[in-house]
Amino acid sequence: MSISGFSHSLSSPSFGSRARAGVSTLAHRIVKSWQDRRAERALASLSYDTLKDIGFPSTTDPRNTPTP
């Protein structure tokens, strides 16, 4: 193998490493989505009074509605 061939093989990632990176990225996205949904379910299970006590914004509060 020549020097130029060796440096070329180091600069371009192999298919295997690209596939592992893609699978890793997909796995991280799946875990993040699962954690977000778990947090949303936990908040949805709390009573209105508990949400109010921890400072969660009310959906009926006019300050939380977008202005047209």
N, C-alpha and C. Protein backbone atom coordinates (compact mmCIF):
# COMPACT_ATOMS: atom_id res chain seq x y z
N MET A 1 0.86 -1.17 0.00
CA MET A 1 0.00 0.00 0.00
C MET A 1 0.90 1.23 0.00
N SER A 2 0.58 2.15 -0.83
CA SER A 2 1.39 3.37 -0.91
C SER A 2 0.97 4.34 0.19
N ILE A 3 1.76 5.36 0.38
CA ILE A 3 1.46 6.37 1.40
C ILE A 3 0.15 7.08 1.07
N SER A 4 -0.06 7.41 -0.20
CA SER A 4 -1.29 8.12 -0.56
C SER A 4 -2.51 7.23 -0.34
N GLY A 5 -2.41 5.95 -0.61
CA GLY A 5 -3.53 5.04 -0.36
C GLY A 5 -3.83 4.89 1.11
N PHE A 6 -2.78 4.90 1.92
CA PHE A 6 -2.95 4.78 3.37
C PHE A 6 -3.63 6.02 3.94
N SER A 7 -3.21 7.20 3.51
CA SER A 7 -3.82 8.42 4.03
C SER A 7 -5.25 8.56 3.55
N HIS A 8 -5.55 8.08 2.35
CA HIS A 8 -6.92 8.14 1.84
C HIS A 8 -7.83 7.26 2.67
N SER A 9 -7.34 6.07 3.06
CA SER A 9 -8.18 5.16 3.83
C SER A 9 -8.43 5.70 5.24
N LEU A 10 -7.54 6.53 5.77
CA LEU A 10 -7.76 7.12 7.08
C LEU A 10 -8.72 8.30 7.02
N SER A 11 -8.74 9.00 5.90
CA SER A 11 -9.57 10.20 5.81
C SER A 11 -11.03 9.89 5.51
N SER A 12 -11.32 8.78 4.86
CA SER A 12 -12.71 8.46 4.56
C SER A 12 -13.18 7.32 5.46
N PRO A 13 -14.26 7.55 6.21
CA PRO A 13 -14.75 6.51 7.11
C PRO A 13 -15.32 5.32 6.33
N SER A 14 -15.17 4.16 6.89
CA SER A 14 -15.68 2.97 6.23
C SER A 14 -17.20 2.90 6.36
N PHE A 15 -17.79 2.04 5.57
CA PHE A 15 -19.24 1.87 5.63
C PHE A 15 -19.66 1.40 7.01
N GLY A 16 -18.87 0.52 7.62
CA GLY A 16 -19.21 -0.01 8.93
C GLY A 16 -19.25 1.07 10.00
N SER A 17 -18.27 1.97 9.97
CA SER A 17 -18.26 3.03 10.99
C SER A 17 -19.39 4.02 10.75
N ARG A 18 -19.72 4.28 9.48
CA ARG A 18 -20.86 5.18 9.20
C ARG A 18 -22.16 4.53 9.63
N ALA A 19 -22.29 3.23 9.42
CA ALA A 19 -23.50 2.52 9.83
C ALA A 19 -23.64 2.53 11.34
N ARG A 20 -22.52 2.31 12.05
CA ARG A 20 -22.56 2.35 13.53
C ARG A 20 -22.93 3.74 14.02
N ALA A 21 -22.41 4.77 13.37
CA ALA A 21 -22.74 6.14 13.76
C ALA A 21 -24.22 6.41 13.54
N GLY A 22 -24.76 5.93 12.42
CA GLY A 22 -26.18 6.11 12.14
C GLY A 22 -27.06 5.39 13.14
N VAL A 23 -26.68 4.17 13.49
CA VAL A 23 -27.45 3.39 14.47
C VAL A 23 -27.36 4.06 15.83
N SER A 24 -26.18 4.56 16.18
CA SER A 24 -26.01 5.24 17.46
C SER A 24 -26.87 6.50 17.52
N THR A 25 -26.89 7.27 16.45
CA THR A 25 -27.71 8.48 16.40
C THR A 25 -29.19 8.12 16.53
N LEU A 26 -29.62 7.10 15.83
CA LEU A 26 -31.01 6.66 15.91
C LEU A 26 -31.35 6.21 17.33
N ALA A 27 -30.44 5.47 17.96
CA ALA A 27 -30.68 5.00 19.32
C ALA A 27 -30.81 6.18 20.29
N HIS A 28 -29.96 7.19 20.13
CA HIS A 28 -30.04 8.36 21.00
C HIS A 28 -31.36 9.10 20.79
N ARG A 29 -31.82 9.20 19.56
CA ARG A 29 -33.09 9.87 19.28
C ARG A 29 -34.25 9.11 19.89
N ILE A 30 -34.21 7.79 19.83
CA ILE A 30 -35.27 6.96 20.40
C ILE A 30 -35.30 7.12 21.91
N VAL A 31 -34.14 7.08 22.55
CA VAL A 31 -34.07 7.23 24.00
C VAL A 31 -34.57 8.61 24.41
N LYS A 32 -34.15 9.66 23.70
CA LYS A 32 -34.59 11.02 24.01
C LYS A 32 -36.10 11.15 23.87
N SER A 33 -36.66 10.59 22.82
CA SER A 33 -38.10 10.63 22.60
C SER A 33 -38.83 9.90 23.73
N TRP A 34 -38.31 8.74 24.13
CA TRP A 34 -38.93 7.97 25.20
C TRP A 34 -38.88 8.75 26.51
N GLN A 35 -37.75 9.40 26.80
CA GLN A 35 -37.64 10.19 28.03
C GLN A 35 -38.58 11.39 28.02
N ASP A 36 -38.72 12.04 26.87
CA ASP A 36 -39.64 13.18 26.76
C ASP A 36 -41.08 12.75 26.99
N ARG A 37 -41.47 11.63 26.37
CA ARG A 37 -42.84 11.14 26.54
C ARG A 37 -43.10 10.71 27.97
N ARG A 38 -42.09 10.13 28.62
CA ARG A 38 -42.23 9.72 30.02
C ARG A 38 -42.44 10.94 30.91
N ALA A 39 -41.70 12.02 30.65
CA ALA A 39 -41.86 13.25 31.43
C ALA A 39 -43.24 13.87 31.18
N GLU A 40 -43.70 13.84 29.92
CA GLU A 40 -45.03 14.37 29.61
C GLU A 40 -46.12 13.58 30.32
N ARG A 41 -45.98 12.26 30.35
CA ARG A 41 -46.97 11.43 31.05
C ARG A 41 -46.96 11.71 32.54
N ALA A 42 -45.77 11.92 33.10
CA ALA A 42 -45.68 12.22 34.54
C ALA A 42 -46.36 13.54 34.85
N LEU A 43 -46.15 14.56 34.01
CA LEU A 43 -46.81 15.84 34.23
C LEU A 43 -48.32 15.73 34.03
N ALA A 44 -48.75 14.95 33.05
CA ALA A 44 -50.18 14.80 32.78
C ALA A 44 -50.90 14.08 33.92
N SER A 45 -50.17 13.29 34.68
CA SER A 45 -50.80 12.54 35.77
C SER A 45 -50.96 13.37 37.03
N LEU A 46 -50.32 14.54 37.09
CA LEU A 46 -50.42 15.39 38.28
C LEU A 46 -51.74 16.16 38.29
N SER A 47 -52.22 16.43 39.48
CA SER A 47 -53.46 17.20 39.60
C SER A 47 -53.19 18.66 39.27
N TYR A 48 -54.27 19.39 39.02
CA TYR A 48 -54.15 20.82 38.71
C TYR A 48 -53.50 21.58 39.86
N ASP A 49 -53.90 21.25 41.09
CA ASP A 49 -53.34 21.94 42.25
C ASP A 49 -51.84 21.70 42.40
N THR A 50 -51.40 20.48 42.13
CA THR A 50 -49.98 20.18 42.21
C THR A 50 -49.21 20.94 41.14
N LEU A 51 -49.75 20.97 39.93
CA LEU A 51 -49.11 21.72 38.86
C LEU A 51 -49.01 23.20 39.22
N LYS A 52 -50.07 23.72 39.80
CA LYS A 52 -50.09 25.12 40.20
C LYS A 52 -49.04 25.37 41.30
N ASP A 53 -48.90 24.43 42.23
CA ASP A 53 -47.94 24.58 43.33
C ASP A 53 -46.49 24.60 42.83
N ILE A 54 -46.19 23.82 41.80
CA ILE A 54 -44.81 23.78 41.30
C ILE A 54 -44.54 24.86 40.26
N GLY A 55 -45.55 25.68 39.95
CA GLY A 55 -45.34 26.80 39.05
C GLY A 55 -45.53 26.48 37.59
N PHE A 56 -46.19 25.38 37.30
CA PHE A 56 -46.45 25.02 35.90
C PHE A 56 -47.53 25.97 35.35
N PRO A 57 -47.34 26.54 34.16
CA PRO A 57 -48.30 27.52 33.64
C PRO A 57 -49.67 26.89 33.35
N SER A 58 -50.68 27.65 33.64
CA SER A 58 -52.05 27.21 33.39
C SER A 58 -52.39 27.39 31.92
N THR A 59 -53.18 26.48 31.38
CA THR A 59 -53.58 26.60 29.98
C THR A 59 -54.65 27.67 29.80
N THR A 60 -55.32 28.03 30.88
CA THR A 60 -56.38 29.05 30.79
C THR A 60 -55.85 30.45 31.11
N ASP A 61 -54.59 30.55 31.45
CA ASP A 61 -53.99 31.86 31.77
C ASP A 61 -53.83 32.65 30.48
N PRO A 62 -54.39 33.86 30.41
CA PRO A 62 -54.29 34.64 29.17
C PRO A 62 -52.85 35.02 28.80
N ARG A 63 -51.95 34.99 29.75
CA ARG A 63 -50.54 35.29 29.44
C ARG A 63 -49.89 34.18 28.63
N ASN A 64 -50.48 32.98 28.61
CA ASN A 64 -49.90 31.85 27.89
C ASN A 64 -50.46 31.66 26.49
N THR A 65 -51.40 32.47 26.11
CA THR A 65 -51.99 32.32 24.78
C THR A 65 -51.26 33.25 23.81
N PRO A 66 -50.96 32.77 22.62
CA PRO A 66 -50.26 33.61 21.65
C PRO A 66 -51.16 34.74 21.14
N THR A 67 -50.56 35.87 20.90
CA THR A 67 -51.32 37.00 20.37
C THR A 67 -51.32 36.94 18.85
N PRO A 68 -52.47 37.19 18.23
CA PRO A 68 -52.54 37.12 16.76
C PRO A 68 -51.82 38.25 16.08
